Amino acid sequence: MLYRIEKDFLGEKRIPQEAYWGIHTQRALENFPISGYKVNPSLVKALAMVKKGCCQANLELGYLEEKKGEAILLACDEVIAGKFVDQFPVDALQGGAGTSSNMNINEVVTNRAIELLGGEKGDYQAVHPIEHVNLHQSTNDVYPTAIKVASIFLLRDLSQTIARVQGAFQKKEKEFAKIVKVGKTELQEAVPITLGGEFSAFGEALARDRWRTFKCEERLRVVNIGGTAVGTGLSSPRSFIFLVIEKLREISGLGLSRGENLLDATANTDPFVEVSGILKAHASSLLKIANDLRLLHLLGEIELPKLQPGSSIMPGKVNPVALEATMQVGLKVMANDLLVTEACSRSTLQINEFLPLLAHSLLESLDILIRMNQILAGHVEGITANEAKCREIFDQSPMIITAFLPHIGYDRAAELLKEFFSSGRKNVREFLSEKLGPSLVEKTLSPERLISLGYRENGEDA
């Protein structure tokens, strides 16, 4: 392999000749061979957007030569388009509040710009990673701004995928509307409901998740770009500070705004905790729903799509693997929420030095929730109901007598159940039809009556 030599104030390093990164990235590679996790691609794209916005502002204000600036802009556009993904090798768990990632993007954009100008990588007389690409910036305003930009884009994608799962449950709600079954409380048979009503509750929970996810974008729109090191804008011209947010807003298409108090926006990262909490709420919904679907499948009331053989020793066994994966994703998101919370709370004084862990955890949660919801939506669409099994359990459940309390009262119901148990019979519905009359039983146990809110007090049900 051919190498070039680059220098900084700590000394020299050999850099692979074909690499677009430079000495700062090389040091980070050597310093942080930790997790093997790479910086989230969405964050890389967002960093390139921030760099493009800064370059446009510096060009317009005359702080960059047009030729250099145009080359930097082209290089940023290429990174935004997904090129050079292999040129961002720094470990996601890096020290320095994101400095390694900031310098990685600076160096890649710089060396690509140099190449576009006809030069050789590493010739920083042509374009310099700090003097030009990082002009009027600091890691401490670039990196948190990029995390917010990346998070907003992913939140929009997540909201759309949640909507698809919500829609899948709502279709099943209609499809299963006429199927009566026995509800469960504390894993015991309870009052009668419909399978469609049960699925409606799943859809409503996801509707709230979708709305919360959509709305929490607002928490991330206030950014600290222009604040430089600690939020005072030191070493950055006032004209740049006011212009750069406009440029970034145009590039991203997001409703971003500059924080009124950039000291606060740089030192405090609590908005990320709020957003992560909303992701945790969605994870909680997914865990609950997935486990309920497993139980309904176990009871035989629904049939899940068969995805793969479930055992290496038991022929014919098929497990609810999609729901198990859903639950594992939910647990991972909950764990990541703790990491986001801890990373936020352990920031000190003017910056949060643990932003790399926060960024990795938050963006990972968004990524896996998006992918899991996509999988889950298709899985729910393939669920079928076992109406015969639901009816069998329903007809044999003593709890269906609860529906008749407005007509016969508690004591009469208890007497009937005592008589039923002593008879040795199995079908409660048939027994009640004999004792109360088939007309009342059919009317009282109809899907419409079971799912309606309360009973009619005008005697219509009598």
Protein backbone atom coordinates (compact mmCIF):
# COMPACT_ATOMS: atom_id res chain seq x y z
CA MET A 1 0.00 0.00 0.00
CA LEU A 2 1.18 3.51 -0.81
CA TYR A 3 1.12 6.15 1.91
CA ARG A 4 1.38 9.90 2.27
CA ILE A 5 2.73 11.70 5.30
CA GLU A 6 0.59 14.26 7.13
CA LYS A 7 1.57 16.41 10.10
CA ASP A 8 -0.13 18.06 13.04
CA PHE A 9 1.24 19.65 16.20
CA LEU A 10 1.65 16.21 17.79
CA GLY A 11 3.82 14.86 14.99
CA GLU A 12 3.50 12.86 11.78
CA LYS A 13 1.32 9.98 10.59
CA ARG A 14 1.26 7.74 7.54
CA ILE A 15 -2.08 7.92 5.73
CA PRO A 16 -3.10 5.43 3.00
CA GLN A 17 -2.62 7.31 -0.26
CA GLU A 18 -6.12 6.47 -1.50
CA ALA A 19 -7.83 7.52 1.73
CA TYR A 20 -9.84 10.73 1.75
CA TRP A 21 -9.41 11.06 5.49
CA GLY A 22 -6.36 12.68 7.05
CA ILE A 23 -4.24 12.69 10.16
CA HIS A 24 -7.00 13.56 12.65
CA THR A 25 -9.11 10.64 11.46
CA GLN A 26 -6.07 8.36 11.45
CA ARG A 27 -5.34 9.21 15.07
CA ALA A 28 -8.96 8.49 15.97
CA LEU A 29 -8.74 5.10 14.24
CA GLU A 30 -5.73 4.24 16.35
CA ASN A 31 -7.09 5.73 19.56
CA PHE A 32 -10.58 4.23 19.51
CA PRO A 33 -10.59 0.64 18.20
CA ILE A 34 -13.45 -0.02 20.62
CA SER A 35 -16.82 -1.27 19.47
CA GLY A 36 -16.62 -1.81 15.74
CA TYR A 37 -19.76 0.33 15.39
CA LYS A 38 -19.39 2.93 12.68
CA VAL A 39 -20.83 6.42 12.89
CA ASN A 40 -24.46 6.30 11.80
CA PRO A 41 -24.78 7.02 8.04
CA SER A 42 -27.62 9.46 8.76
CA LEU A 43 -25.29 11.45 10.98
CA VAL A 44 -22.60 11.51 8.27
CA LYS A 45 -25.16 12.85 5.80
CA ALA A 46 -26.32 15.47 8.30
CA LEU A 47 -22.73 16.55 9.00
CA ALA A 48 -22.24 17.07 5.26
CA MET A 49 -25.41 19.23 5.18
CA VAL A 50 -24.07 21.36 8.03
CA LYS A 51 -20.73 21.75 6.26
CA LYS A 52 -22.51 22.73 3.06
CA GLY A 53 -24.57 25.35 4.87
CA CYS A 54 -21.47 26.81 6.50
CA CYS A 55 -19.65 26.87 3.17
CA GLN A 56 -22.54 28.66 1.46
CA ALA A 57 -22.64 31.29 4.21
CA ASN A 58 -18.88 31.83 4.07
CA LEU A 59 -18.99 32.09 0.29
CA GLU A 60 -21.80 34.61 0.29
CA LEU A 61 -20.07 36.72 2.94
CA GLY A 62 -16.75 36.64 1.07
CA TYR A 63 -14.80 34.55 3.59
CA LEU A 64 -14.06 31.83 1.03
CA GLU A 65 -12.62 32.08 -2.45
CA GLU A 66 -15.27 31.12 -4.98
CA LYS A 67 -13.20 28.37 -6.60
CA LYS A 68 -12.44 26.67 -3.28
CA GLY A 69 -15.96 27.16 -2.03
CA GLU A 70 -17.54 25.62 -5.10
CA ALA A 71 -15.29 22.57 -4.82
CA ILE A 72 -16.23 22.18 -1.14
CA LEU A 73 -19.93 22.41 -2.01
CA LEU A 74 -19.59 19.72 -4.70
CA ALA A 75 -17.76 17.46 -2.26
CA CYS A 76 -20.50 17.98 0.36
CA ASP A 77 -23.17 17.13 -2.21
CA GLU A 78 -21.41 13.87 -3.02
CA VAL A 79 -21.29 12.86 0.64
CA ILE A 80 -24.96 13.80 1.06
CA ALA A 81 -25.74 11.60 -1.96
CA GLY A 82 -24.15 8.64 -0.18
CA LYS A 83 -20.73 8.54 -1.78
CA PHE A 84 -17.53 7.82 0.17
CA VAL A 85 -19.35 5.80 2.83
CA ASP A 86 -16.17 3.77 3.37
CA GLN A 87 -14.26 6.95 4.21
CA PHE A 88 -15.92 7.36 7.62
CA PRO A 89 -14.27 4.55 9.59
CA VAL A 90 -14.10 6.17 13.04
CA ASP A 91 -15.64 4.17 15.87
CA ALA A 92 -19.01 5.49 17.04
CA LEU A 93 -17.79 5.36 20.64
CA GLN A 94 -15.12 8.02 20.45
CA GLY A 95 -13.77 10.49 22.93
CA GLY A 96 -13.82 14.22 22.33
CA ALA A 97 -17.50 15.20 22.14
CA GLY A 98 -17.58 14.32 18.44
CA THR A 99 -14.34 16.00 17.37
CA SER A 100 -13.14 12.86 15.59
CA SER A 101 -16.29 12.72 13.46
CA ASN A 102 -16.18 16.46 12.79
CA MET A 103 -12.59 16.19 11.62
CA ASN A 104 -13.41 13.07 9.60
CA ILE A 105 -16.02 14.97 7.58
CA ASN A 106 -13.71 17.99 7.33
CA GLU A 107 -10.89 15.87 5.91
CA VAL A 108 -13.01 13.83 3.51
CA VAL A 109 -14.69 16.93 2.09
CA THR A 110 -11.32 18.70 1.91
CA ASN A 111 -9.50 15.93 0.07
CA ARG A 112 -12.36 15.42 -2.34
CA ALA A 113 -12.44 19.18 -3.00
CA ILE A 114 -8.70 19.14 -3.63
CA GLU A 115 -9.23 16.28 -6.09
CA LEU A 116 -12.00 18.19 -7.85
CA LEU A 117 -9.59 21.12 -8.22
CA GLY A 118 -7.04 18.83 -9.86
CA GLY A 119 -4.75 18.47 -6.85
CA GLU A 120 -3.45 15.55 -4.79
CA LYS A 121 -4.95 14.36 -1.53
CA GLY A 122 -3.13 15.85 1.43
CA ASP A 123 -2.14 19.08 -0.37
CA TYR A 124 -3.81 21.35 2.15
CA GLN A 125 -2.40 24.48 0.53
CA ALA A 126 -5.22 24.12 -1.97
CA VAL A 127 -8.02 23.49 0.54
CA HIS A 128 -7.56 23.15 4.29
CA PRO A 129 -9.84 21.06 6.55
CA ILE A 130 -9.86 23.62 9.37
CA GLU A 131 -9.14 26.93 7.68
CA HIS A 132 -11.70 26.38 4.93
CA VAL A 133 -14.12 23.48 5.52
CA ASN A 134 -14.39 24.13 9.28
CA LEU A 135 -14.25 27.92 8.93
CA HIS A 136 -16.22 29.74 11.67
CA GLN A 137 -17.26 26.45 13.26
CA SER A 138 -16.51 24.22 16.21
CA THR A 139 -17.28 20.57 16.85
CA ASN A 140 -19.47 21.83 19.67
CA ASP A 141 -21.96 23.52 17.37
CA VAL A 142 -21.55 21.34 14.24
CA TYR A 143 -21.95 17.94 15.90
CA PRO A 144 -25.09 18.51 18.02
CA THR A 145 -26.73 20.36 15.13
CA ALA A 146 -26.04 17.39 12.87
CA ILE A 147 -27.48 14.96 15.42
CA LYS A 148 -30.71 16.96 15.45
CA VAL A 149 -30.90 17.12 11.65
CA ALA A 150 -30.31 13.36 11.35
CA SER A 151 -32.86 12.63 14.08
CA ILE A 152 -35.58 14.73 12.46
CA PHE A 153 -35.25 12.91 9.14
CA LEU A 154 -35.40 9.54 10.90
CA LEU A 155 -38.35 10.61 13.05
CA ARG A 156 -40.29 11.42 9.88
CA ASP A 157 -39.50 7.98 8.47
CA LEU A 158 -40.49 6.35 11.76
CA SER A 159 -43.81 8.18 11.88
CA GLN A 160 -44.63 6.85 8.41
CA THR A 161 -43.75 3.26 9.30
CA ILE A 162 -45.79 3.42 12.50
CA ALA A 163 -48.70 4.65 10.39
CA ARG A 164 -48.41 1.54 8.24
CA VAL A 165 -48.57 -0.78 11.28
CA GLN A 166 -51.48 1.25 12.64
CA GLY A 167 -53.29 0.84 9.34
CA ALA A 168 -52.66 -2.90 9.33
CA PHE A 169 -54.29 -3.25 12.74
CA GLN A 170 -57.21 -1.05 11.72
CA LYS A 171 -57.85 -3.30 8.70
CA LYS A 172 -57.87 -6.32 10.99
CA GLU A 173 -60.23 -4.47 13.33
CA LYS A 174 -62.79 -4.32 10.51
CA GLU A 175 -62.05 -7.83 9.29
CA PHE A 176 -62.53 -9.34 12.77
CA ALA A 177 -65.43 -7.08 13.83
CA LYS A 178 -68.02 -9.90 13.97
CA ILE A 179 -65.87 -12.46 15.76
CA VAL A 180 -66.90 -12.82 19.40
CA LYS A 181 -64.39 -14.03 21.97
CA VAL A 182 -63.63 -13.96 25.67
CA GLY A 183 -61.49 -11.11 26.95
CA LYS A 184 -58.70 -11.76 29.43
CA THR A 185 -57.66 -9.94 32.59
CA GLU A 186 -54.75 -11.13 34.73
CA LEU A 187 -54.37 -14.06 32.30
CA GLN A 188 -57.82 -15.33 33.27
CA GLU A 189 -61.05 -15.38 31.32
CA ALA A 190 -63.02 -12.15 31.71
CA VAL A 191 -66.01 -10.56 29.98
CA PRO A 192 -66.88 -11.19 26.32
CA ILE A 193 -65.58 -8.86 23.62
CA THR A 194 -64.86 -9.10 19.89
CA LEU A 195 -61.56 -9.90 18.24
CA GLY A 196 -62.00 -6.74 16.17
CA GLY A 197 -62.35 -4.70 19.34
CA GLU A 198 -59.18 -6.24 20.70
CA PHE A 199 -57.28 -5.28 17.54
CA SER A 200 -58.74 -1.77 17.68
CA ALA A 201 -56.86 -1.23 20.96
CA PHE A 202 -53.60 -2.15 19.25
CA GLY A 203 -54.31 0.38 16.51
CA GLU A 204 -55.17 3.15 18.98
CA ALA A 205 -51.92 2.66 20.91
CA LEU A 206 -49.97 2.98 17.68
CA ALA A 207 -51.98 6.04 16.66
CA ARG A 208 -50.73 7.77 19.79
CA ASP A 209 -47.18 6.63 19.06
CA ARG A 210 -47.44 7.97 15.54
CA TRP A 211 -48.69 11.36 16.74
CA ARG A 212 -46.05 11.65 19.48
CA THR A 213 -43.31 10.71 17.05
CA PHE A 214 -44.55 13.23 14.49
CA LYS A 215 -44.84 16.05 17.03
CA CYS A 216 -41.54 15.54 18.83
CA GLU A 217 -39.68 16.81 15.78
CA GLU A 218 -40.46 20.23 17.23
CA ARG A 219 -38.14 19.51 20.16
CA LEU A 220 -35.17 19.21 17.82
CA ARG A 221 -35.65 22.19 15.52
CA VAL A 222 -33.71 24.62 17.73
CA VAL A 223 -30.01 24.20 16.92
CA ASN A 224 -26.81 25.85 18.14
CA ILE A 225 -24.92 26.23 14.85
CA GLY A 226 -23.03 29.52 14.99
CA GLY A 227 -22.34 29.22 18.69
CA THR A 228 -18.87 27.73 18.06
CA ALA A 229 -17.08 26.36 21.14
CA VAL A 230 -19.41 27.21 24.03
CA GLY A 231 -22.30 29.15 22.54
CA THR A 232 -20.88 32.67 22.49
CA GLY A 233 -19.98 32.56 18.79
CA LEU A 234 -16.38 33.37 19.64
CA SER A 235 -14.19 33.63 16.49
CA SER A 236 -17.26 33.64 14.24
CA PRO A 237 -18.53 36.85 12.59
CA ARG A 238 -22.03 37.92 13.57
CA SER A 239 -23.09 38.00 9.92
CA PHE A 240 -22.16 34.33 9.58
CA ILE A 241 -24.07 33.35 12.72
CA PHE A 242 -27.28 34.89 11.39
CA LEU A 243 -26.86 33.62 7.83
CA VAL A 244 -25.75 30.03 8.39
CA ILE A 245 -29.06 28.91 9.91
CA GLU A 246 -30.90 30.19 6.84
CA LYS A 247 -28.59 28.21 4.58
CA LEU A 248 -28.96 25.04 6.62
CA ARG A 249 -32.73 25.44 6.62
CA GLU A 250 -32.74 25.68 2.80
CA ILE A 251 -30.41 22.71 2.35
CA SER A 252 -32.22 20.39 4.72
CA GLY A 253 -35.77 21.52 4.03
CA LEU A 254 -36.37 21.42 7.78
CA GLY A 255 -37.91 24.16 9.92
CA LEU A 256 -34.73 24.79 11.88
CA SER A 257 -34.12 27.86 14.00
CA ARG A 258 -31.12 29.25 15.87
CA GLY A 259 -31.41 29.04 19.64
CA GLU A 260 -32.05 32.33 21.43
CA ASN A 261 -29.54 31.33 24.10
CA LEU A 262 -26.72 29.43 22.42
CA LEU A 263 -24.94 28.91 25.73
CA ASP A 264 -27.96 26.88 26.80
CA ALA A 265 -28.29 25.07 23.47
CA THR A 266 -24.61 24.06 23.62
CA ALA A 267 -24.42 23.03 27.28
CA ASN A 268 -27.79 21.28 27.62
CA THR A 269 -28.95 18.31 25.56
CA ASP A 270 -32.20 17.50 27.36
CA PRO A 271 -34.31 17.68 24.15
CA PHE A 272 -32.66 14.43 23.11
CA VAL A 273 -33.81 12.81 26.34
CA GLU A 274 -37.37 13.93 25.66
CA VAL A 275 -37.30 12.47 22.16
CA SER A 276 -35.72 9.25 23.39
CA GLY A 277 -38.48 8.99 25.98
CA ILE A 278 -41.06 9.10 23.21
CA LEU A 279 -39.20 6.32 21.41
CA LYS A 280 -39.25 4.35 24.66
CA ALA A 281 -43.02 4.84 24.86
CA HIS A 282 -43.36 3.39 21.36
CA ALA A 283 -41.05 0.53 22.32
CA SER A 284 -43.33 -0.16 25.28
CA SER A 285 -46.34 -0.31 22.96
CA LEU A 286 -44.56 -2.72 20.63
CA LEU A 287 -43.57 -4.99 23.50
CA LYS A 288 -47.11 -5.13 24.82
CA ILE A 289 -48.71 -5.70 21.42
CA ALA A 290 -46.18 -8.33 20.31
CA ASN A 291 -46.58 -10.29 23.52
CA ASP A 292 -50.39 -10.13 23.26
CA LEU A 293 -50.26 -11.44 19.70
CA ARG A 294 -48.06 -14.31 20.85
CA LEU A 295 -50.62 -15.20 23.52
CA LEU A 296 -53.54 -15.01 21.08
CA HIS A 297 -51.60 -17.30 18.74
CA LEU A 298 -50.88 -19.69 21.61
CA LEU A 299 -54.58 -19.80 22.49
CA GLY A 300 -55.36 -20.57 18.87
CA GLU A 301 -57.57 -17.50 18.43
CA ILE A 302 -55.36 -16.11 15.68
CA GLU A 303 -52.89 -17.63 13.26
CA LEU A 304 -49.60 -15.84 12.64
CA PRO A 305 -47.84 -16.01 9.27
CA LYS A 306 -45.34 -18.88 9.21
CA LEU A 307 -41.91 -17.41 8.55
CA GLN A 308 -39.35 -20.14 9.17
CA PRO A 309 -38.86 -23.55 10.81
CA GLY A 310 -38.51 -22.99 14.54
CA SER A 311 -36.38 -25.85 15.76
CA SER A 312 -33.29 -27.81 14.83
CA ILE A 313 -34.61 -30.85 16.71
CA MET A 314 -38.44 -30.66 16.65
CA PRO A 315 -39.80 -31.20 13.13
CA GLY A 316 -42.69 -28.98 12.11
CA LYS A 317 -42.28 -26.46 14.93
CA VAL A 318 -42.85 -22.84 13.87
CA ASN A 319 -42.18 -20.04 16.34
CA PRO A 320 -43.48 -16.43 16.45
CA VAL A 321 -40.08 -15.10 15.45
CA ALA A 322 -41.21 -11.73 14.09
CA LEU A 323 -42.89 -10.92 17.38
CA GLU A 324 -39.86 -12.10 19.34
CA ALA A 325 -37.69 -9.80 17.22
CA THR A 326 -40.14 -6.97 17.87
CA MET A 327 -39.85 -7.48 21.60
CA GLN A 328 -36.06 -7.56 21.43
CA VAL A 329 -36.05 -4.30 19.51
CA GLY A 330 -38.31 -2.81 22.17
CA LEU A 331 -35.93 -3.89 24.93
CA LYS A 332 -32.94 -2.49 23.01
CA VAL A 333 -34.66 0.88 22.57
CA MET A 334 -35.41 0.98 26.30
CA ALA A 335 -31.75 0.27 27.05
CA ASN A 336 -30.68 2.97 24.60
CA ASP A 337 -33.02 5.41 26.33
CA LEU A 338 -31.10 4.87 29.55
CA LEU A 339 -27.83 5.56 27.70
CA VAL A 340 -29.22 8.76 26.18
CA THR A 341 -30.42 9.88 29.60
CA GLU A 342 -27.10 9.12 31.27
CA ALA A 343 -25.07 10.73 28.48
CA CYS A 344 -27.16 13.88 28.76
CA SER A 345 -27.02 14.08 32.53
CA ARG A 346 -23.24 13.59 32.67
CA SER A 347 -22.39 16.59 30.50
CA THR A 348 -20.30 19.16 32.36
CA LEU A 349 -20.41 22.94 32.33
CA GLN A 350 -20.42 24.31 28.76
CA ILE A 351 -20.63 21.17 26.56
CA ASN A 352 -21.74 17.58 26.53
CA GLU A 353 -18.63 15.50 26.02
CA PHE A 354 -20.65 12.27 25.75
CA LEU A 355 -22.54 13.19 22.60
CA PRO A 356 -21.02 10.32 20.54
CA LEU A 357 -22.68 7.74 22.81
CA LEU A 358 -25.90 9.76 22.84
CA ALA A 359 -25.90 10.04 19.05
CA HIS A 360 -25.17 6.37 18.50
CA SER A 361 -27.87 5.24 20.94
CA LEU A 362 -30.58 7.63 19.74
CA LEU A 363 -30.00 7.10 16.02
CA GLU A 364 -29.71 3.34 16.48
CA SER A 365 -33.10 3.33 18.22
CA LEU A 366 -34.62 5.25 15.34
CA ASP A 367 -33.05 2.95 12.75
CA ILE A 368 -34.15 -0.32 14.34
CA LEU A 369 -37.65 0.97 15.11
CA ILE A 370 -38.08 1.99 11.47
CA ARG A 371 -36.96 -1.41 10.19
CA MET A 372 -38.93 -3.35 12.79
CA ASN A 373 -42.15 -1.47 12.06
CA GLN A 374 -41.71 -2.20 8.37
CA ILE A 375 -41.41 -5.91 9.13
CA LEU A 376 -44.23 -5.87 11.67
CA ALA A 377 -46.65 -4.16 9.30
CA GLY A 378 -46.33 -6.97 6.76
CA HIS A 379 -46.60 -9.55 9.51
CA VAL A 380 -49.82 -8.09 10.90
CA GLU A 381 -51.30 -7.93 7.41
CA GLY A 382 -50.86 -11.70 7.21
CA ILE A 383 -52.62 -12.54 10.50
CA THR A 384 -55.77 -14.62 10.17
CA ALA A 385 -58.48 -15.32 12.75
CA ASN A 386 -59.57 -18.75 13.93
CA GLU A 387 -63.22 -17.88 14.35
CA ALA A 388 -64.20 -21.44 15.27
CA LYS A 389 -61.68 -21.53 18.11
CA CYS A 390 -62.77 -18.13 19.39
CA ARG A 391 -66.40 -19.31 19.36
CA GLU A 392 -65.54 -22.60 21.07
CA ILE A 393 -63.77 -20.83 23.95
CA PHE A 394 -66.53 -18.24 24.07
CA ASP A 395 -69.39 -20.75 24.25
CA GLN A 396 -67.67 -22.71 27.02
CA SER A 397 -66.72 -19.74 29.19
CA PRO A 398 -68.80 -19.14 32.33
CA MET A 399 -67.76 -15.48 32.14
CA ILE A 400 -70.14 -14.75 29.27
CA ILE A 401 -72.94 -14.67 31.81
CA THR A 402 -71.62 -11.24 32.89
CA ALA A 403 -73.29 -9.77 29.78
CA PHE A 404 -76.70 -10.74 31.24
CA LEU A 405 -76.36 -8.95 34.59
CA PRO A 406 -78.55 -5.96 33.53
CA HIS A 407 -81.32 -8.48 32.74
CA ILE A 408 -81.11 -11.09 35.52
CA GLY A 409 -78.94 -9.54 38.26
CA TYR A 410 -75.88 -10.92 40.03
CA ASP A 411 -77.62 -13.40 42.34
CA ARG A 412 -79.66 -15.01 39.55
CA ALA A 413 -76.49 -15.26 37.42
CA ALA A 414 -74.64 -16.96 40.27
CA GLU A 415 -77.49 -19.45 40.70
CA LEU A 416 -77.45 -20.27 37.01
CA LEU A 417 -73.71 -20.87 37.04
CA LYS A 418 -74.02 -23.12 40.09
CA GLU A 419 -76.65 -25.14 38.26
CA PHE A 420 -74.47 -25.25 35.13
CA PHE A 421 -71.39 -26.50 36.99
CA SER A 422 -73.38 -29.22 38.76
CA SER A 423 -74.86 -30.38 35.45
CA GLY A 424 -71.48 -31.40 34.05
CA ARG A 425 -72.25 -29.69 30.75
CA LYS A 426 -69.62 -27.84 28.68
CA ASN A 427 -71.48 -25.32 26.54
CA VAL A 428 -72.54 -22.32 28.62
CA ARG A 429 -74.20 -20.59 25.68
CA GLU A 430 -76.55 -23.53 25.00
CA PHE A 431 -77.37 -23.75 28.69
CA LEU A 432 -78.25 -20.04 28.86
CA SER A 433 -80.38 -20.31 25.73
CA GLU A 434 -82.42 -23.00 27.42
CA LYS A 435 -82.79 -21.04 30.65
CA LEU A 436 -83.17 -17.46 29.32
CA GLY A 437 -84.45 -18.04 25.81
CA PRO A 438 -82.47 -18.02 22.52
CA SER A 439 -83.69 -14.57 21.51
CA LEU A 440 -82.25 -12.82 24.56
CA VAL A 441 -79.04 -14.80 24.37
CA GLU A 442 -78.46 -14.06 20.67
CA LYS A 443 -79.22 -10.38 21.14
CA THR A 444 -77.14 -9.97 24.28
CA LEU A 445 -74.14 -11.88 22.90
CA SER A 446 -74.18 -10.26 19.47
CA PRO A 447 -70.91 -8.58 18.41
CA GLU A 448 -72.62 -5.18 18.25
CA ARG A 449 -73.89 -5.39 21.84
CA LEU A 450 -70.64 -6.76 23.24
CA ILE A 451 -68.53 -3.93 21.83
CA SER A 452 -71.00 -1.09 22.42
CA LEU A 453 -70.34 1.31 25.26
CA GLY A 454 -72.54 0.11 28.10
CA TYR A 455 -76.15 -1.10 27.76
CA ARG A 456 -79.24 0.81 26.72
CA GLU A 457 -81.26 2.01 29.68
CA ASN A 458 -84.56 2.44 27.82
CA GLY A 459 -85.38 -1.23 28.07
CA GLU A 460 -84.58 -1.96 24.43
CA ASP A 461 -82.24 -4.79 25.45
CA ALA A 462 -84.87 -6.50 27.60
